[in-house]
N, C-alpha and C. Protein backbone atom coordinates (compact mmCIF):
# COMPACT_ATOMS: atom_id res chain seq x y z
N UNK A 1 -21.42 26.08 5.65
CA UNK A 1 -20.69 24.86 5.90
C UNK A 1 -20.07 24.37 4.60
N UNK A 2 -18.85 23.93 4.69
CA UNK A 2 -18.19 23.38 3.51
C UNK A 2 -17.99 21.88 3.71
N UNK A 3 -17.80 21.19 2.60
CA UNK A 3 -17.65 19.74 2.59
C UNK A 3 -16.19 19.34 2.40
N UNK A 4 -15.73 18.39 3.18
CA UNK A 4 -14.45 17.74 2.94
C UNK A 4 -14.72 16.58 1.99
N UNK A 5 -14.01 16.57 0.86
CA UNK A 5 -14.25 15.59 -0.20
C UNK A 5 -13.00 14.78 -0.45
N UNK A 6 -13.19 13.49 -0.66
CA UNK A 6 -12.11 12.59 -1.05
C UNK A 6 -12.43 12.07 -2.45
N UNK A 7 -11.51 12.34 -3.39
CA UNK A 7 -11.67 11.87 -4.77
C UNK A 7 -10.73 10.70 -4.98
N UNK A 8 -11.30 9.54 -5.36
CA UNK A 8 -10.53 8.31 -5.50
C UNK A 8 -10.62 7.84 -6.96
N UNK A 9 -9.51 7.94 -7.66
CA UNK A 9 -9.46 7.53 -9.07
C UNK A 9 -8.00 7.28 -9.42
N UNK A 10 -7.73 6.24 -10.20
CA UNK A 10 -6.34 5.95 -10.56
C UNK A 10 -5.79 6.93 -11.58
N UNK A 11 -6.63 7.72 -12.20
CA UNK A 11 -6.19 8.73 -13.16
C UNK A 11 -6.07 10.09 -12.45
N UNK A 12 -4.83 10.59 -12.38
CA UNK A 12 -4.64 11.91 -11.75
C UNK A 12 -5.35 12.99 -12.55
N UNK A 13 -5.43 12.82 -13.86
CA UNK A 13 -6.15 13.80 -14.70
C UNK A 13 -7.63 13.83 -14.34
N UNK A 14 -8.23 12.67 -14.15
CA UNK A 14 -9.65 12.62 -13.81
C UNK A 14 -9.89 13.20 -12.41
N UNK A 15 -8.99 12.95 -11.49
CA UNK A 15 -9.13 13.55 -10.16
C UNK A 15 -9.14 15.07 -10.25
N UNK A 16 -8.25 15.62 -11.07
CA UNK A 16 -8.18 17.08 -11.24
C UNK A 16 -9.44 17.62 -11.93
N UNK A 17 -9.94 16.88 -12.91
CA UNK A 17 -11.17 17.30 -13.60
C UNK A 17 -12.34 17.34 -12.62
N UNK A 18 -12.48 16.30 -11.83
CA UNK A 18 -13.58 16.25 -10.86
C UNK A 18 -13.45 17.41 -9.87
N UNK A 19 -12.25 17.64 -9.37
CA UNK A 19 -12.01 18.74 -8.44
C UNK A 19 -12.39 20.08 -9.09
N UNK A 20 -11.98 20.27 -10.33
CA UNK A 20 -12.28 21.52 -11.04
C UNK A 20 -13.79 21.69 -11.24
N UNK A 21 -14.48 20.61 -11.58
CA UNK A 21 -15.93 20.68 -11.76
C UNK A 21 -16.60 21.07 -10.45
N UNK A 22 -16.17 20.48 -9.34
CA UNK A 22 -16.74 20.84 -8.05
C UNK A 22 -16.60 22.34 -7.80
N UNK A 23 -15.44 22.88 -8.14
CA UNK A 23 -15.22 24.33 -7.98
C UNK A 23 -16.13 25.13 -8.90
N UNK A 24 -16.19 24.73 -10.17
CA UNK A 24 -17.01 25.46 -11.14
C UNK A 24 -18.49 25.44 -10.79
N UNK A 25 -18.93 24.34 -10.17
CA UNK A 25 -20.34 24.22 -9.79
C UNK A 25 -20.67 25.02 -8.54
N UNK A 26 -19.65 25.57 -7.90
CA UNK A 26 -19.88 26.32 -6.68
C UNK A 26 -20.06 25.42 -5.47
N UNK A 27 -19.61 24.18 -5.57
CA UNK A 27 -19.68 23.24 -4.45
C UNK A 27 -18.79 23.77 -3.35
N UNK A 28 -19.32 23.94 -2.16
CA UNK A 28 -18.55 24.52 -1.06
C UNK A 28 -17.55 23.49 -0.53
N UNK A 29 -16.31 23.64 -0.98
CA UNK A 29 -15.26 22.70 -0.60
C UNK A 29 -14.51 23.17 0.62
N UNK A 30 -14.31 22.25 1.53
CA UNK A 30 -13.38 22.46 2.62
C UNK A 30 -12.06 21.91 2.14
N UNK A 31 -11.69 20.77 2.67
CA UNK A 31 -10.47 20.10 2.24
C UNK A 31 -10.83 19.12 1.13
N UNK A 32 -10.03 19.09 0.08
CA UNK A 32 -10.24 18.16 -1.03
C UNK A 32 -9.01 17.27 -1.12
N UNK A 33 -9.20 16.00 -0.79
CA UNK A 33 -8.10 15.04 -0.77
C UNK A 33 -8.23 14.09 -1.95
N UNK A 34 -7.10 13.48 -2.32
CA UNK A 34 -7.08 12.58 -3.46
C UNK A 34 -6.39 11.27 -3.10
N UNK A 35 -6.88 10.18 -3.72
CA UNK A 35 -6.25 8.87 -3.60
C UNK A 35 -6.32 8.19 -4.96
N UNK A 36 -5.33 7.35 -5.26
CA UNK A 36 -5.29 6.70 -6.56
C UNK A 36 -5.88 5.29 -6.56
N UNK A 37 -6.30 4.81 -5.39
CA UNK A 37 -6.97 3.51 -5.32
C UNK A 37 -7.68 3.40 -3.97
N UNK A 38 -8.45 2.33 -3.81
CA UNK A 38 -9.23 2.16 -2.60
C UNK A 38 -8.39 2.04 -1.34
N UNK A 39 -7.26 1.37 -1.42
CA UNK A 39 -6.42 1.22 -0.24
C UNK A 39 -5.85 2.55 0.22
N UNK A 40 -5.40 3.37 -0.72
CA UNK A 40 -4.93 4.71 -0.37
C UNK A 40 -6.04 5.51 0.29
N UNK A 41 -7.25 5.38 -0.23
CA UNK A 41 -8.39 6.10 0.33
C UNK A 41 -8.65 5.66 1.77
N UNK A 42 -8.61 4.35 2.02
CA UNK A 42 -8.81 3.86 3.39
C UNK A 42 -7.74 4.39 4.33
N UNK A 43 -6.51 4.46 3.84
CA UNK A 43 -5.42 5.01 4.66
C UNK A 43 -5.67 6.47 5.00
N UNK A 44 -6.14 7.25 4.03
CA UNK A 44 -6.45 8.66 4.27
C UNK A 44 -7.57 8.79 5.29
N UNK A 45 -8.56 7.93 5.19
CA UNK A 45 -9.71 8.01 6.09
C UNK A 45 -9.38 7.69 7.54
N UNK A 46 -8.22 7.12 7.78
CA UNK A 46 -7.80 6.83 9.16
C UNK A 46 -7.63 8.11 9.97
N UNK A 47 -7.25 9.20 9.31
CA UNK A 47 -6.94 10.42 10.06
C UNK A 47 -7.72 11.65 9.65
N UNK A 48 -8.70 11.51 8.79
CA UNK A 48 -9.42 12.69 8.27
C UNK A 48 -10.92 12.48 8.34
N UNK A 49 -11.63 13.57 8.59
CA UNK A 49 -13.08 13.55 8.50
C UNK A 49 -13.46 13.91 7.07
N UNK A 50 -14.22 13.05 6.42
CA UNK A 50 -14.63 13.26 5.04
C UNK A 50 -16.16 13.26 4.99
N UNK A 51 -16.73 14.24 4.28
CA UNK A 51 -18.18 14.35 4.15
C UNK A 51 -18.72 13.65 2.91
N UNK A 52 -17.88 13.49 1.89
CA UNK A 52 -18.30 12.90 0.62
C UNK A 52 -17.11 12.24 -0.05
N UNK A 53 -17.35 11.02 -0.55
CA UNK A 53 -16.32 10.31 -1.31
C UNK A 53 -16.83 10.13 -2.73
N UNK A 54 -16.01 10.54 -3.70
CA UNK A 54 -16.29 10.35 -5.12
C UNK A 54 -15.23 9.38 -5.63
N UNK A 55 -15.65 8.21 -6.09
CA UNK A 55 -14.69 7.16 -6.43
C UNK A 55 -14.98 6.53 -7.78
N UNK A 56 -13.91 6.05 -8.39
CA UNK A 56 -14.00 5.24 -9.59
C UNK A 56 -14.26 3.80 -9.17
N UNK A 57 -14.64 2.97 -10.11
CA UNK A 57 -14.86 1.54 -9.82
C UNK A 57 -13.61 0.74 -10.16
N UNK A 58 -13.07 0.95 -11.34
CA UNK A 58 -11.95 0.15 -11.82
C UNK A 58 -10.62 0.83 -11.52
N UNK A 59 -9.93 0.28 -10.50
CA UNK A 59 -8.65 0.83 -10.06
C UNK A 59 -7.74 -0.33 -9.66
N UNK A 60 -6.43 -0.12 -9.75
CA UNK A 60 -5.49 -1.16 -9.29
C UNK A 60 -5.46 -1.21 -7.75
N UNK A 61 -4.81 -2.19 -7.22
CA UNK A 61 -4.59 -2.42 -5.79
C UNK A 61 -5.91 -2.76 -5.08
N UNK A 62 -6.85 -1.83 -5.03
CA UNK A 62 -8.18 -2.10 -4.47
C UNK A 62 -9.20 -1.33 -5.31
N UNK A 63 -10.10 -2.08 -5.94
CA UNK A 63 -11.12 -1.45 -6.78
C UNK A 63 -12.26 -0.88 -5.94
N UNK A 64 -13.24 -0.31 -6.62
CA UNK A 64 -14.36 0.31 -5.93
C UNK A 64 -15.19 -0.65 -5.09
N UNK A 65 -15.35 -1.88 -5.56
CA UNK A 65 -16.12 -2.87 -4.81
C UNK A 65 -15.41 -3.21 -3.50
N UNK A 66 -14.12 -3.50 -3.58
CA UNK A 66 -13.35 -3.78 -2.37
C UNK A 66 -13.31 -2.59 -1.44
N UNK A 67 -13.21 -1.41 -2.01
CA UNK A 67 -13.16 -0.19 -1.21
C UNK A 67 -14.44 0.01 -0.41
N UNK A 68 -15.59 -0.04 -1.08
CA UNK A 68 -16.83 0.24 -0.35
C UNK A 68 -17.13 -0.88 0.64
N UNK A 69 -16.77 -2.10 0.29
CA UNK A 69 -16.95 -3.22 1.22
C UNK A 69 -16.15 -2.97 2.51
N UNK A 70 -14.88 -2.59 2.36
CA UNK A 70 -14.03 -2.31 3.52
C UNK A 70 -14.50 -1.07 4.27
N UNK A 71 -14.90 -0.06 3.54
CA UNK A 71 -15.35 1.19 4.14
C UNK A 71 -16.57 0.98 5.02
N UNK A 72 -17.53 0.22 4.56
CA UNK A 72 -18.78 0.03 5.29
C UNK A 72 -18.59 -0.83 6.54
N UNK A 73 -17.45 -1.50 6.65
CA UNK A 73 -17.15 -2.28 7.85
C UNK A 73 -16.64 -1.39 8.99
N UNK A 74 -16.27 -0.16 8.68
CA UNK A 74 -15.75 0.78 9.67
C UNK A 74 -16.90 1.61 10.23
N UNK A 75 -17.03 1.61 11.53
CA UNK A 75 -18.14 2.33 12.16
C UNK A 75 -18.15 3.81 11.79
N UNK A 76 -16.99 4.44 11.82
CA UNK A 76 -16.93 5.88 11.60
C UNK A 76 -17.28 6.27 10.17
N UNK A 77 -17.13 5.35 9.22
CA UNK A 77 -17.39 5.65 7.80
C UNK A 77 -18.66 4.99 7.28
N UNK A 78 -19.38 4.34 8.14
CA UNK A 78 -20.54 3.56 7.70
C UNK A 78 -21.57 4.40 6.95
N UNK A 79 -21.74 5.65 7.34
CA UNK A 79 -22.77 6.50 6.74
C UNK A 79 -22.22 7.56 5.79
N UNK A 80 -20.93 7.57 5.55
CA UNK A 80 -20.35 8.56 4.64
C UNK A 80 -20.86 8.31 3.22
N UNK A 81 -21.42 9.32 2.57
CA UNK A 81 -21.89 9.13 1.19
C UNK A 81 -20.72 8.78 0.26
N UNK A 82 -20.92 7.72 -0.53
CA UNK A 82 -19.93 7.30 -1.52
C UNK A 82 -20.63 7.28 -2.87
N UNK A 83 -20.18 8.13 -3.77
CA UNK A 83 -20.73 8.21 -5.11
C UNK A 83 -19.66 7.77 -6.10
N UNK A 84 -20.05 6.92 -7.03
CA UNK A 84 -19.10 6.42 -8.01
C UNK A 84 -19.23 7.19 -9.31
N UNK A 85 -18.09 7.59 -9.84
CA UNK A 85 -17.99 8.25 -11.15
C UNK A 85 -17.17 7.30 -12.00
N UNK A 86 -17.83 6.66 -12.97
CA UNK A 86 -17.19 5.52 -13.60
C UNK A 86 -17.59 5.32 -15.05
N UNK A 87 -16.77 4.59 -15.75
CA UNK A 87 -17.10 4.16 -17.12
C UNK A 87 -17.58 2.72 -17.10
N UNK A 88 -17.75 2.14 -15.91
CA UNK A 88 -18.20 0.75 -15.77
C UNK A 88 -19.53 0.56 -16.49
N UNK A 89 -19.60 -0.47 -17.34
CA UNK A 89 -20.81 -0.73 -18.11
C UNK A 89 -21.57 -1.95 -17.59
N UNK A 90 -20.95 -2.75 -16.75
CA UNK A 90 -21.56 -3.96 -16.24
C UNK A 90 -22.63 -3.61 -15.19
N UNK A 91 -23.89 -3.79 -15.57
CA UNK A 91 -25.00 -3.43 -14.68
C UNK A 91 -24.97 -4.23 -13.39
N UNK A 92 -24.58 -5.51 -13.46
CA UNK A 92 -24.52 -6.33 -12.25
C UNK A 92 -23.51 -5.75 -11.26
N UNK A 93 -22.40 -5.29 -11.77
CA UNK A 93 -21.37 -4.71 -10.89
C UNK A 93 -21.87 -3.40 -10.26
N UNK A 94 -22.57 -2.59 -11.05
CA UNK A 94 -23.13 -1.35 -10.52
C UNK A 94 -24.19 -1.64 -9.46
N UNK A 95 -25.01 -2.65 -9.68
CA UNK A 95 -26.01 -3.03 -8.68
C UNK A 95 -25.32 -3.55 -7.41
N UNK A 96 -24.21 -4.26 -7.58
CA UNK A 96 -23.44 -4.74 -6.44
C UNK A 96 -22.97 -3.57 -5.58
N UNK A 97 -22.48 -2.52 -6.24
CA UNK A 97 -22.04 -1.32 -5.50
C UNK A 97 -23.19 -0.71 -4.69
N UNK A 98 -24.35 -0.65 -5.31
CA UNK A 98 -25.51 -0.10 -4.63
C UNK A 98 -25.90 -0.99 -3.44
N UNK A 99 -25.86 -2.29 -3.63
CA UNK A 99 -26.18 -3.22 -2.55
C UNK A 99 -25.19 -3.10 -1.39
N UNK A 100 -23.96 -2.72 -1.69
CA UNK A 100 -22.93 -2.57 -0.66
C UNK A 100 -22.99 -1.21 0.04
N UNK A 101 -23.91 -0.34 -0.40
CA UNK A 101 -24.09 0.93 0.29
C UNK A 101 -23.67 2.17 -0.46
N UNK A 102 -23.42 2.05 -1.76
CA UNK A 102 -23.12 3.25 -2.55
C UNK A 102 -24.34 4.18 -2.56
N UNK A 103 -24.07 5.46 -2.57
CA UNK A 103 -25.14 6.46 -2.61
C UNK A 103 -25.67 6.67 -4.02
N UNK A 104 -24.88 6.27 -5.02
CA UNK A 104 -25.28 6.40 -6.41
C UNK A 104 -24.07 6.34 -7.31
N UNK A 105 -24.32 6.46 -8.61
CA UNK A 105 -23.23 6.48 -9.57
C UNK A 105 -23.62 7.34 -10.76
N UNK A 106 -22.61 7.86 -11.41
CA UNK A 106 -22.79 8.62 -12.65
C UNK A 106 -21.73 8.10 -13.61
N UNK A 107 -22.11 7.98 -14.86
CA UNK A 107 -21.19 7.41 -15.85
C UNK A 107 -20.39 8.50 -16.56
N UNK A 108 -19.12 8.16 -16.82
CA UNK A 108 -18.26 8.98 -17.66
C UNK A 108 -18.59 8.64 -19.10
N UNK A 109 -18.58 9.55 -20.02
CA UNK A 109 -18.45 11.00 -19.80
C UNK A 109 -19.75 11.57 -19.25
N UNK A 110 -19.65 12.66 -18.55
CA UNK A 110 -20.81 13.32 -17.97
C UNK A 110 -20.71 14.81 -18.23
N UNK A 111 -21.85 15.48 -18.14
CA UNK A 111 -21.89 16.93 -18.29
C UNK A 111 -21.94 17.55 -16.89
N UNK A 112 -21.36 18.72 -16.71
CA UNK A 112 -21.39 19.36 -15.39
C UNK A 112 -22.80 19.50 -14.81
N UNK A 113 -23.79 19.74 -15.67
CA UNK A 113 -25.17 19.87 -15.19
C UNK A 113 -25.64 18.55 -14.57
N UNK A 114 -25.23 17.43 -15.16
CA UNK A 114 -25.57 16.12 -14.62
C UNK A 114 -24.89 15.92 -13.26
N UNK A 115 -23.65 16.34 -13.16
CA UNK A 115 -22.91 16.23 -11.91
C UNK A 115 -23.58 17.07 -10.82
N UNK A 116 -24.02 18.26 -11.19
CA UNK A 116 -24.67 19.15 -10.23
C UNK A 116 -25.93 18.49 -9.65
N UNK A 117 -26.78 17.96 -10.51
CA UNK A 117 -28.01 17.30 -10.05
C UNK A 117 -27.68 16.05 -9.23
N UNK A 118 -26.69 15.32 -9.69
CA UNK A 118 -26.26 14.10 -9.00
C UNK A 118 -25.78 14.43 -7.59
N UNK A 119 -24.93 15.43 -7.45
CA UNK A 119 -24.39 15.79 -6.13
C UNK A 119 -25.48 16.34 -5.21
N UNK A 120 -26.38 17.11 -5.76
CA UNK A 120 -27.49 17.62 -4.95
C UNK A 120 -28.30 16.47 -4.38
N UNK A 121 -28.56 15.46 -5.20
CA UNK A 121 -29.32 14.30 -4.74
C UNK A 121 -28.54 13.54 -3.67
N UNK A 122 -27.26 13.31 -3.91
CA UNK A 122 -26.43 12.55 -2.98
C UNK A 122 -26.34 13.27 -1.63
N UNK A 123 -26.20 14.58 -1.67
CA UNK A 123 -26.01 15.35 -0.44
C UNK A 123 -27.34 15.79 0.18
N UNK A 124 -28.45 15.38 -0.43
CA UNK A 124 -29.76 15.67 0.15
C UNK A 124 -30.22 17.10 -0.04
N UNK A 125 -29.69 17.77 -1.05
CA UNK A 125 -30.10 19.15 -1.34
C UNK A 125 -31.05 19.14 -2.52
N UNK A 126 -32.19 19.76 -2.37
CA UNK A 126 -33.13 19.83 -3.48
C UNK A 126 -32.84 21.05 -4.35
N UNK A 127 -32.74 22.18 -3.75
CA UNK A 127 -32.42 23.39 -4.51
C UNK A 127 -31.57 24.32 -3.66
N UNK A 128 -30.82 23.72 -2.75
CA UNK A 128 -30.05 24.46 -1.76
C UNK A 128 -28.93 25.28 -2.36
N UNK A 129 -28.37 26.17 -1.56
CA UNK A 129 -27.36 27.11 -2.02
C UNK A 129 -25.95 26.56 -2.07
N UNK A 130 -25.71 25.35 -1.56
CA UNK A 130 -24.33 24.88 -1.46
C UNK A 130 -23.71 24.52 -2.80
N UNK A 131 -24.52 24.13 -3.75
CA UNK A 131 -24.01 23.83 -5.09
C UNK A 131 -24.69 24.81 -6.01
N UNK A 132 -23.91 25.74 -6.56
CA UNK A 132 -24.53 26.88 -7.20
C UNK A 132 -24.42 26.99 -8.69
N UNK A 133 -23.45 27.68 -9.16
CA UNK A 133 -23.30 28.18 -10.50
C UNK A 133 -23.50 27.14 -11.59
N UNK A 134 -24.19 27.52 -12.64
CA UNK A 134 -24.38 26.64 -13.79
C UNK A 134 -23.18 26.74 -14.71
N UNK A 135 -22.77 25.59 -15.22
CA UNK A 135 -21.65 25.54 -16.16
C UNK A 135 -22.19 24.89 -17.44
N UNK A 136 -22.15 25.60 -18.52
CA UNK A 136 -22.70 25.10 -19.78
C UNK A 136 -21.59 24.77 -20.77
N UNK A 137 -21.88 23.82 -21.65
CA UNK A 137 -21.06 23.63 -22.83
C UNK A 137 -19.82 22.77 -22.73
N UNK A 138 -19.67 21.93 -21.70
CA UNK A 138 -18.50 21.07 -21.68
C UNK A 138 -18.87 19.71 -21.11
N UNK A 139 -18.19 18.68 -21.59
CA UNK A 139 -18.37 17.30 -21.12
C UNK A 139 -17.09 16.84 -20.46
N UNK A 140 -17.21 15.98 -19.46
CA UNK A 140 -16.04 15.40 -18.80
C UNK A 140 -16.24 13.91 -18.64
């Protein structure tokens, strides 16, 4: 089984980096979609089945807080895992995301090994085969 993933970040470079890391980690990708803010992501979710959302917190138009708040109001997306990949340092804001139903967060910069463990936890895999190959020696 492969995962349909939505990457939400206002930086196109960061979206590409996250996508590349998912590939390098051996994450079984189905469709990988991108949005530059929360509103674009909500629009995409109107017509697509998504298994995992990886989002930034600080974005124009609709930030991560507004996005997850709106997302959790939709029945079809209520249980979709949402993981934040962010440089946000405000602990209160990060706790707010968790209270609103975020599955977790990882801070930028991160190492691929951290991302691998993070995704396994988010997707409920302890040592499963869906996220495989080890990638050493680079930070993102």
